[in-house]
N, C-alpha and C. Protein backbone atom coordinates (compact mmCIF):
# COMPACT_ATOMS: atom_id res chain seq x y z
N MET A 1 -79.38 2.29 48.77
CA MET A 1 -78.63 3.76 48.73
C MET A 1 -79.10 4.64 49.86
N ASN A 2 -77.62 5.70 49.26
CA ASN A 2 -77.67 6.55 50.44
C ASN A 2 -79.07 7.95 50.01
N ALA A 3 -79.88 7.89 50.27
CA ALA A 3 -81.19 8.93 50.10
C ALA A 3 -80.68 10.45 50.54
N ALA A 4 -79.61 10.61 51.08
CA ALA A 4 -79.30 12.13 51.23
C ALA A 4 -79.02 13.04 50.44
N LEU A 5 -78.89 14.35 50.53
CA LEU A 5 -78.39 14.73 48.78
C LEU A 5 -77.57 15.58 49.97
N HIS A 6 -75.83 15.19 48.50
CA HIS A 6 -74.60 15.73 49.15
C HIS A 6 -74.36 17.30 47.94
N ARG A 7 -73.64 18.12 49.09
CA ARG A 7 -73.57 19.33 47.82
C ARG A 7 -71.78 19.02 47.29
N VAL A 8 -72.13 19.52 46.15
CA VAL A 8 -70.78 19.28 45.23
C VAL A 8 -69.92 20.10 45.42
N TRP A 9 -68.48 20.27 45.79
CA TRP A 9 -67.17 20.95 45.56
C TRP A 9 -66.52 20.31 44.63
N LYS A 10 -66.73 21.26 42.78
CA LYS A 10 -65.89 20.49 41.93
C LYS A 10 -64.40 21.40 41.88
N LEU A 11 -63.09 20.08 41.66
CA LEU A 11 -61.80 20.36 41.52
C LEU A 11 -61.52 20.13 40.06
N GLY A 12 -60.32 20.50 40.03
CA GLY A 12 -59.56 19.77 38.55
C GLY A 12 -59.16 18.61 38.34
N ALA A 13 -58.24 18.41 37.53
CA ALA A 13 -57.29 17.26 37.31
C ALA A 13 -56.32 17.09 38.07
N ASP A 14 -55.71 16.25 38.45
CA ASP A 14 -54.40 16.32 39.53
C ASP A 14 -53.96 16.73 40.67
N ILE A 15 -55.30 16.88 41.57
CA ILE A 15 -55.40 17.28 42.85
C ILE A 15 -54.11 16.55 43.66
N ASP A 16 -52.82 17.03 43.80
CA ASP A 16 -51.97 16.29 44.75
C ASP A 16 -52.36 16.17 45.96
N THR A 17 -51.75 15.39 46.72
CA THR A 17 -51.89 15.54 48.30
C THR A 17 -51.08 16.58 49.14
N ASP A 18 -50.09 17.50 48.42
CA ASP A 18 -49.54 18.56 48.90
C ASP A 18 -50.73 19.41 48.74
N VAL A 19 -51.24 19.66 48.04
CA VAL A 19 -52.28 20.22 47.95
C VAL A 19 -53.51 20.22 48.79
N LEU A 20 -54.23 18.40 49.21
CA LEU A 20 -54.78 18.65 50.14
C LEU A 20 -54.07 18.49 51.42
N ALA A 21 -53.13 18.63 51.39
CA ALA A 21 -52.38 18.87 53.20
C ALA A 21 -51.43 19.59 52.71
N PRO A 22 -50.90 20.68 52.82
CA PRO A 22 -49.56 21.31 52.24
C PRO A 22 -48.84 20.62 53.48
N GLY A 23 -47.44 20.92 52.85
CA GLY A 23 -46.12 20.42 53.66
C GLY A 23 -45.82 21.26 54.53
N HIS A 24 -46.00 23.04 54.69
CA HIS A 24 -45.91 23.71 55.43
C HIS A 24 -46.81 23.65 56.70
N ALA A 25 -47.70 23.11 57.04
CA ALA A 25 -48.61 22.71 57.96
C ALA A 25 -48.49 21.20 58.49
N MET A 26 -47.87 20.54 57.62
CA MET A 26 -47.18 19.35 58.15
C MET A 26 -46.76 18.94 59.23
N LYS A 27 -46.73 20.02 60.12
CA LYS A 27 -45.82 19.75 61.92
C LYS A 27 -46.95 19.75 62.50
N HIS A 28 -48.18 20.16 62.32
CA HIS A 28 -49.13 20.44 63.08
C HIS A 28 -50.46 19.62 63.23
N GLY A 29 -51.12 19.23 64.06
CA GLY A 29 -52.11 18.03 64.38
C GLY A 29 -53.15 18.51 63.37
N ILE A 30 -54.10 17.55 63.08
CA ILE A 30 -54.96 17.52 62.22
C ILE A 30 -56.11 18.20 61.92
N ASP A 31 -56.09 18.89 63.22
CA ASP A 31 -57.28 20.13 63.32
C ASP A 31 -56.42 21.37 62.27
N VAL A 32 -55.41 21.81 62.55
CA VAL A 32 -54.59 22.69 62.27
C VAL A 32 -54.86 22.45 60.77
N LEU A 33 -54.20 21.31 60.29
CA LEU A 33 -53.54 20.89 58.65
C LEU A 33 -55.11 20.70 57.85
N ALA A 34 -55.73 20.54 58.28
CA ALA A 34 -57.54 20.73 57.35
C ALA A 34 -57.80 22.30 57.53
N ARG A 35 -57.56 22.81 58.41
CA ARG A 35 -57.77 24.53 58.14
C ARG A 35 -56.94 25.15 56.60
N HIS A 36 -55.86 24.09 56.41
CA HIS A 36 -55.23 24.55 55.15
C HIS A 36 -55.79 23.46 54.10
N CYS A 37 -56.14 22.71 54.16
CA CYS A 37 -57.18 21.84 52.80
C CYS A 37 -57.24 22.16 51.56
N LEU A 38 -56.39 22.63 50.42
CA LEU A 38 -57.34 23.16 49.10
C LEU A 38 -56.55 24.32 48.95
N GLU A 39 -56.55 24.93 50.08
CA GLU A 39 -56.37 26.66 49.96
C GLU A 39 -55.58 27.26 48.63
N SER A 40 -54.70 26.45 48.05
CA SER A 40 -54.21 26.97 47.24
C SER A 40 -54.80 27.08 45.97
N VAL A 41 -55.87 25.97 46.02
CA VAL A 41 -56.75 26.08 44.46
C VAL A 41 -58.19 26.09 44.91
N ARG A 42 -58.66 26.23 46.01
CA ARG A 42 -59.91 26.45 46.38
C ARG A 42 -60.16 27.17 48.02
N PRO A 43 -59.26 28.52 47.51
CA PRO A 43 -59.55 28.99 49.08
C PRO A 43 -60.81 28.68 49.89
N ASP A 44 -61.65 29.11 49.41
CA ASP A 44 -63.19 29.44 50.08
C ASP A 44 -63.29 27.69 50.61
N PHE A 45 -62.93 26.72 50.34
CA PHE A 45 -63.47 25.09 50.75
C PHE A 45 -63.34 25.06 51.92
N VAL A 46 -62.47 25.34 52.78
CA VAL A 46 -62.79 25.13 54.57
C VAL A 46 -63.72 26.23 54.99
N GLY A 47 -63.47 27.77 54.65
CA GLY A 47 -64.74 28.14 55.10
C GLY A 47 -65.95 27.66 55.11
N GLY A 48 -66.13 26.59 53.49
CA GLY A 48 -67.28 26.72 53.12
C GLY A 48 -67.83 25.00 53.14
N ALA A 49 -67.25 24.52 53.55
CA ALA A 49 -67.25 22.66 53.17
C ALA A 49 -68.18 22.27 54.80
N GLY A 50 -69.21 21.45 54.71
CA GLY A 50 -69.96 21.07 55.51
C GLY A 50 -69.96 19.55 55.97
N LYS A 51 -70.33 19.39 56.71
CA LYS A 51 -70.73 17.61 57.08
C LYS A 51 -71.29 17.13 55.27
N GLY A 52 -71.23 16.06 55.22
CA GLY A 52 -71.74 14.99 54.08
C GLY A 52 -71.85 15.95 52.56
N ASP A 53 -70.87 16.85 52.23
CA ASP A 53 -70.14 16.85 51.36
C ASP A 53 -69.62 16.05 50.83
N VAL A 54 -69.78 16.52 49.34
CA VAL A 54 -68.73 15.83 48.54
C VAL A 54 -68.04 16.35 47.42
N ILE A 55 -66.87 15.82 46.94
CA ILE A 55 -65.83 16.21 46.32
C ILE A 55 -66.05 15.52 44.85
N VAL A 56 -65.68 16.53 43.64
CA VAL A 56 -65.91 15.76 42.34
C VAL A 56 -64.92 16.50 41.76
N ALA A 57 -63.67 15.75 41.31
CA ALA A 57 -62.61 15.88 40.93
C ALA A 57 -62.75 15.20 39.74
N GLY A 58 -61.49 16.01 38.76
CA GLY A 58 -61.11 15.46 37.17
C GLY A 58 -59.95 13.75 37.40
N PRO A 59 -59.52 13.52 36.71
CA PRO A 59 -58.05 12.50 37.02
C PRO A 59 -57.46 12.75 37.96
N ASN A 60 -56.67 11.44 38.25
CA ASN A 60 -55.60 11.35 39.35
C ASN A 60 -55.49 12.11 40.42
N PHE A 61 -56.85 12.20 41.27
CA PHE A 61 -56.99 12.58 42.03
C PHE A 61 -56.06 12.12 43.62
N GLY A 62 -55.43 12.70 44.25
CA GLY A 62 -54.26 12.26 45.11
C GLY A 62 -53.26 11.73 44.55
N ILE A 63 -52.61 12.10 43.99
CA ILE A 63 -51.36 11.75 43.17
C ILE A 63 -50.57 12.45 44.48
N GLY A 64 -49.11 12.14 44.36
CA GLY A 64 -47.99 12.42 45.04
C GLY A 64 -47.40 11.67 45.80
N SER A 65 -47.16 12.16 47.07
CA SER A 65 -47.18 11.97 47.89
C SER A 65 -47.71 10.63 48.67
N SER A 66 -47.13 9.89 50.15
CA SER A 66 -47.97 8.89 50.30
C SER A 66 -49.40 8.78 51.36
N ARG A 67 -48.31 10.61 52.18
CA ARG A 67 -49.03 11.17 53.11
C ARG A 67 -50.82 10.97 53.59
N GLU A 68 -51.35 10.09 54.70
CA GLU A 68 -52.33 9.46 55.01
C GLU A 68 -53.12 10.88 55.23
N GLN A 69 -52.17 12.12 55.77
CA GLN A 69 -53.30 12.97 56.11
C GLN A 69 -54.21 14.03 55.11
N ALA A 70 -53.60 13.77 53.48
CA ALA A 70 -54.42 13.80 52.51
C ALA A 70 -55.63 13.83 52.53
N ALA A 71 -55.70 12.27 53.19
CA ALA A 71 -57.61 11.78 53.23
C ALA A 71 -57.72 11.96 54.69
N ALA A 72 -56.84 12.00 55.94
CA ALA A 72 -57.39 12.40 57.18
C ALA A 72 -58.58 13.34 56.97
N VAL A 73 -57.60 15.07 56.31
CA VAL A 73 -58.08 16.20 56.52
C VAL A 73 -59.64 16.62 55.92
N LEU A 74 -59.95 15.63 54.80
CA LEU A 74 -61.41 15.28 54.37
C LEU A 74 -62.74 14.81 54.98
N VAL A 75 -61.73 13.86 55.72
CA VAL A 75 -62.84 13.17 56.87
C VAL A 75 -63.28 14.38 57.93
N ARG A 76 -61.88 14.53 58.28
CA ARG A 76 -62.16 15.78 59.49
C ARG A 76 -62.92 17.11 59.32
N LEU A 77 -62.82 17.61 57.65
CA LEU A 77 -63.89 17.99 57.30
C LEU A 77 -65.41 18.13 57.14
N GLY A 78 -65.45 16.58 57.02
CA GLY A 78 -67.29 16.21 56.87
C GLY A 78 -67.15 15.59 55.54
N VAL A 79 -66.21 15.56 54.89
CA VAL A 79 -66.53 15.12 53.39
C VAL A 79 -66.57 13.40 53.29
N VAL A 80 -67.78 13.16 52.89
CA VAL A 80 -68.07 11.80 52.80
C VAL A 80 -67.83 11.03 51.50
N ALA A 81 -67.38 11.68 50.33
CA ALA A 81 -66.89 11.01 49.35
C ALA A 81 -66.32 11.82 48.42
N VAL A 82 -65.43 11.42 48.18
CA VAL A 82 -64.57 12.16 46.36
C VAL A 82 -64.77 11.16 45.13
N ILE A 83 -65.59 11.63 44.45
CA ILE A 83 -65.94 11.00 42.80
C ILE A 83 -64.95 11.64 41.90
N ALA A 84 -64.37 10.58 41.45
CA ALA A 84 -63.18 10.87 40.35
C ALA A 84 -63.11 9.80 38.73
N PRO A 85 -62.55 10.17 37.96
CA PRO A 85 -62.42 9.22 37.20
C PRO A 85 -61.07 8.19 37.41
N SER A 86 -59.95 9.01 38.28
CA SER A 86 -59.45 7.71 38.51
C SER A 86 -58.60 8.54 39.83
N PHE A 87 -57.85 7.82 40.76
CA PHE A 87 -57.25 7.98 42.25
C PHE A 87 -55.78 7.19 41.98
N SER A 88 -54.71 7.97 42.86
CA SER A 88 -53.80 7.41 43.11
C SER A 88 -54.16 6.48 43.66
N GLY A 89 -53.27 4.81 43.15
CA GLY A 89 -53.42 3.85 44.01
C GLY A 89 -53.06 3.87 45.65
N LEU A 90 -52.19 4.85 46.31
CA LEU A 90 -51.76 4.90 47.63
C LEU A 90 -52.85 6.13 48.29
N TYR A 91 -53.22 6.88 47.13
CA TYR A 91 -54.71 7.46 48.05
C TYR A 91 -55.81 6.79 48.38
N PHE A 92 -56.30 6.05 47.23
CA PHE A 92 -57.17 5.01 47.28
C PHE A 92 -57.30 4.57 48.62
N ARG A 93 -56.31 3.56 48.95
CA ARG A 93 -56.44 2.85 49.91
C ARG A 93 -56.05 3.57 51.19
N ASN A 94 -55.43 4.24 51.00
CA ASN A 94 -55.28 5.23 52.34
C ASN A 94 -56.81 6.22 52.68
N ALA A 95 -57.27 6.07 51.74
CA ALA A 95 -58.79 7.45 51.86
C ALA A 95 -59.70 5.76 52.52
N PHE A 96 -59.59 4.69 51.99
CA PHE A 96 -60.85 3.72 52.52
C PHE A 96 -60.44 3.39 54.13
N ASN A 97 -58.78 3.15 54.18
CA ASN A 97 -58.57 3.23 55.56
C ASN A 97 -59.34 3.82 56.88
N LEU A 98 -59.18 4.99 56.34
CA LEU A 98 -59.86 6.41 57.44
C LEU A 98 -61.08 6.29 57.00
N GLY A 99 -61.83 5.70 56.29
CA GLY A 99 -63.71 5.43 55.91
C GLY A 99 -63.75 6.70 54.96
N LEU A 100 -63.28 7.41 54.54
CA LEU A 100 -63.53 8.05 53.12
C LEU A 100 -63.60 7.52 52.04
N LEU A 101 -65.16 7.45 51.33
CA LEU A 101 -65.56 6.90 50.56
C LEU A 101 -65.16 7.22 48.86
N LEU A 102 -64.68 6.62 48.06
CA LEU A 102 -63.93 6.98 46.98
C LEU A 102 -64.54 6.25 45.91
N LEU A 103 -64.84 6.91 44.70
CA LEU A 103 -66.40 6.51 44.02
C LEU A 103 -65.57 6.70 42.22
N THR A 104 -65.01 5.67 41.80
CA THR A 104 -64.10 5.97 40.35
C THR A 104 -65.61 5.91 39.58
N CYS A 105 -65.61 6.75 38.75
CA CYS A 105 -66.85 7.74 37.80
C CYS A 105 -66.11 8.10 36.31
N PRO A 106 -66.24 7.33 35.51
CA PRO A 106 -65.79 7.69 34.07
C PRO A 106 -66.38 9.31 34.09
N GLN A 107 -67.94 9.07 34.15
CA GLN A 107 -68.49 10.67 34.13
C GLN A 107 -68.47 11.73 34.74
N ALA A 108 -67.59 11.64 35.78
CA ALA A 108 -67.55 12.49 37.26
C ALA A 108 -68.04 13.97 36.57
N GLY A 109 -67.16 14.39 35.85
CA GLY A 109 -67.02 15.38 34.89
C GLY A 109 -68.56 16.12 34.24
N GLU A 110 -69.66 15.44 34.70
CA GLU A 110 -71.01 15.58 34.14
C GLU A 110 -71.54 16.46 35.15
N VAL A 111 -71.03 16.04 36.92
CA VAL A 111 -71.69 16.69 37.99
C VAL A 111 -71.34 18.11 37.81
N ALA A 112 -71.95 19.11 38.32
CA ALA A 112 -72.00 20.43 38.41
C ALA A 112 -71.51 21.15 40.08
N GLU A 113 -70.65 21.66 39.70
CA GLU A 113 -70.52 22.71 41.07
C GLU A 113 -71.71 23.12 41.80
N GLY A 114 -71.72 22.65 42.90
CA GLY A 114 -72.67 23.34 43.87
C GLY A 114 -73.97 22.48 43.83
N GLU A 115 -73.95 21.47 42.70
CA GLU A 115 -75.28 20.41 42.57
C GLU A 115 -75.32 19.89 43.63
N ALA A 116 -76.62 19.23 43.59
CA ALA A 116 -76.78 18.37 45.13
C ALA A 116 -76.74 17.05 44.99
N VAL A 117 -76.22 16.17 44.92
CA VAL A 117 -76.07 14.57 44.15
C VAL A 117 -76.54 13.39 45.69
N ALA A 118 -77.39 12.28 45.34
CA ALA A 118 -77.27 11.29 45.77
C ALA A 118 -76.21 10.24 45.50
N LEU A 119 -75.75 9.57 46.04
CA LEU A 119 -74.98 8.40 46.44
C LEU A 119 -75.23 6.95 46.35
N ASP A 120 -75.59 6.33 45.11
CA ASP A 120 -76.38 4.23 45.38
C ASP A 120 -75.01 4.00 46.03
N TRP A 121 -74.59 3.15 46.87
CA TRP A 121 -73.18 2.98 47.85
C TRP A 121 -73.61 1.30 47.07
N GLN A 122 -74.99 0.50 46.78
CA GLN A 122 -74.93 -0.37 46.19
C GLN A 122 -74.73 -0.89 44.87
N ALA A 123 -74.93 -0.09 43.83
CA ALA A 123 -74.65 -0.11 42.35
C ALA A 123 -73.49 -0.16 42.32
N PRO A 124 -72.57 0.84 42.45
CA PRO A 124 -72.48 2.34 42.83
C PRO A 124 -72.63 2.79 41.89
N ALA A 125 -73.41 3.98 42.29
CA ALA A 125 -73.87 5.34 41.40
C ALA A 125 -73.63 6.91 41.74
N VAL A 126 -73.75 7.75 41.03
CA VAL A 126 -73.93 8.91 41.84
C VAL A 126 -75.08 9.33 40.86
N ILE A 127 -76.24 10.28 41.62
CA ILE A 127 -77.79 10.17 40.62
C ILE A 127 -77.46 11.96 40.67
N THR A 128 -77.62 12.51 39.66
CA THR A 128 -77.39 14.12 39.44
C THR A 128 -78.69 14.62 39.68
N ALA A 129 -78.64 15.93 40.28
CA ALA A 129 -80.08 16.40 40.31
C ALA A 129 -81.20 16.24 39.36
N ASP A 130 -80.86 16.25 38.35
CA ASP A 130 -81.85 15.94 37.05
C ASP A 130 -82.40 14.44 36.94
N GLY A 131 -81.73 13.46 37.97
CA GLY A 131 -81.92 12.06 38.05
C GLY A 131 -80.98 11.45 36.87
N THR A 132 -79.80 11.59 36.58
CA THR A 132 -79.13 10.83 36.21
C THR A 132 -78.17 10.19 36.80
N ARG A 133 -78.26 8.63 35.97
CA ARG A 133 -77.46 7.60 36.92
C ARG A 133 -76.11 7.96 36.50
N LEU A 134 -74.81 7.51 37.28
CA LEU A 134 -73.70 8.13 36.57
C LEU A 134 -73.01 6.93 37.26
N ALA A 135 -72.50 5.83 36.40
CA ALA A 135 -72.27 4.41 36.76
C ALA A 135 -70.93 4.55 37.71
N CYS A 136 -70.31 4.23 38.54
CA CYS A 136 -69.43 4.37 38.91
C CYS A 136 -68.65 2.83 39.27
N ASP A 137 -67.26 2.42 39.60
CA ASP A 137 -66.48 1.20 39.04
C ASP A 137 -67.55 0.21 40.51
N PRO A 138 -67.65 -1.31 40.37
CA PRO A 138 -68.18 -1.66 41.93
C PRO A 138 -66.70 -1.76 42.97
N ILE A 139 -66.79 -1.60 44.16
CA ILE A 139 -66.35 -1.53 45.04
C ILE A 139 -65.93 -2.96 46.15
N PRO A 140 -64.83 -3.46 46.10
CA PRO A 140 -65.28 -5.02 46.74
C PRO A 140 -65.78 -4.08 48.15
N PRO A 141 -66.45 -5.58 48.64
CA PRO A 141 -67.27 -5.15 49.75
C PRO A 141 -66.17 -5.00 51.37
N PHE A 142 -65.08 -5.60 51.39
CA PHE A 142 -64.45 -5.32 52.46
C PHE A 142 -63.99 -4.07 52.51
N LEU A 143 -63.71 -3.13 51.39
CA LEU A 143 -63.77 -1.75 51.27
C LEU A 143 -65.00 -1.24 51.94
N MET A 144 -65.76 -1.10 50.64
CA MET A 144 -67.15 -0.99 52.01
C MET A 144 -67.41 -0.97 53.46
N ASP A 145 -67.07 -2.18 53.75
CA ASP A 145 -67.11 -2.38 55.25
C ASP A 145 -66.02 -1.97 56.40
N MET A 146 -65.26 -1.39 55.14
CA MET A 146 -64.61 -0.28 56.10
C MET A 146 -65.34 0.93 56.16
N VAL A 147 -65.64 1.71 55.09
CA VAL A 147 -66.12 2.90 54.90
C VAL A 147 -67.21 3.04 56.10
N ARG A 148 -68.08 2.30 56.34
CA ARG A 148 -69.29 1.65 57.28
C ARG A 148 -69.05 1.93 58.51
N ALA A 149 -67.57 0.95 58.57
CA ALA A 149 -67.15 1.46 59.98
C ALA A 149 -66.53 2.71 60.25
N GLY A 150 -66.05 3.59 59.31
CA GLY A 150 -65.51 4.47 59.96
C GLY A 150 -64.25 4.83 59.54
N GLY A 151 -63.58 3.72 59.34
CA GLY A 151 -62.19 3.23 58.77
C GLY A 151 -61.45 1.82 59.62
N LEU A 152 -60.48 1.39 58.87
CA LEU A 152 -60.10 0.54 59.40
C LEU A 152 -59.85 0.60 61.08
N MET A 153 -59.08 1.12 61.25
CA MET A 153 -58.91 0.87 63.01
C MET A 153 -60.16 1.02 63.64
N ASN A 154 -61.47 1.35 63.45
CA ASN A 154 -62.60 1.16 63.72
C ASN A 154 -63.04 -0.04 63.58
N GLN A 155 -63.09 -0.84 62.74
CA GLN A 155 -63.69 -1.93 62.17
C GLN A 155 -62.79 -2.56 63.40
N LEU A 156 -61.38 -2.26 63.12
CA LEU A 156 -60.79 -3.49 64.12
C LEU A 156 -60.94 -3.56 65.59
N ARG A 157 -61.37 -2.27 65.76
CA ARG A 157 -62.01 -2.49 67.34
C ARG A 157 -63.28 -3.07 67.71
N THR A 158 -64.09 -3.02 66.99
CA THR A 158 -65.46 -3.44 66.95
C THR A 158 -65.38 -4.85 66.73
N ARG A 159 -64.11 -4.99 65.55
CA ARG A 159 -63.55 -6.92 65.37
C ARG A 159 -63.09 -7.35 67.17
N PHE A 160 -62.00 -6.79 67.16
CA PHE A 160 -61.43 -7.31 68.21
C PHE A 160 -61.40 -7.11 69.40
N GLY A 161 -62.06 -5.45 69.92
CA GLY A 161 -62.29 -5.17 70.94
C GLY A 161 -61.16 -3.94 70.95
N LYS A 162 -61.50 -3.29 71.87
CA LYS A 162 -60.93 -1.87 71.82
C LYS A 162 -59.31 -2.21 72.85
N GLU A 163 -59.42 -3.27 73.35
CA GLU A 163 -57.96 -3.40 74.05
C GLU A 163 -56.88 -4.16 73.33
N ALA A 164 -57.54 -4.69 72.43
CA ALA A 164 -56.43 -5.62 71.15
C ALA A 164 -55.97 -4.54 70.83
N ILE A 165 -56.68 -3.55 70.15
CA ILE A 165 -56.05 -2.84 69.26
C ILE A 165 -55.00 -1.52 70.01
N ASN A 166 -55.33 -1.29 71.05
CA ASN A 166 -54.89 -0.15 71.25
C ASN A 166 -54.17 -0.58 72.89
N GLY A 167 -53.90 -1.78 72.69
CA GLY A 167 -52.36 -2.11 73.85
C GLY A 167 -53.09 -2.19 75.36
């Protein structure tokens, strides 16, 4: 279990990749793009989000285009996990490839804005401030290995060496 407590940012359903990584900022690098993350639905997010925070959202998180920057901005801002009842398939894979943990939790709506939660990566589950365990769908070990490594590229560098990956 990850004993650390994580502050919750609560979002609604159908958060799409254009809200996470807005098109008007896509011409910039990830640092600038991250400053626009969620600006249309949570203007306070970028200024208030801190390392180790989590997002709890409604169903269909990450719908829309396949842009990997939509997951990369959350990693850049220090978000360690997104908890939602369902995710877009493309977003799901992009997030794990970049080292962002996604927890599919049917009861995500029970978690409150600003609450401090713990994450049990083994079970997996979200543990709320009052001790309630909200079960999440199992995560395949190979995806958890990617998260622990900080993403697929870091995992490959560790496995095969920096020279083999960077050419």
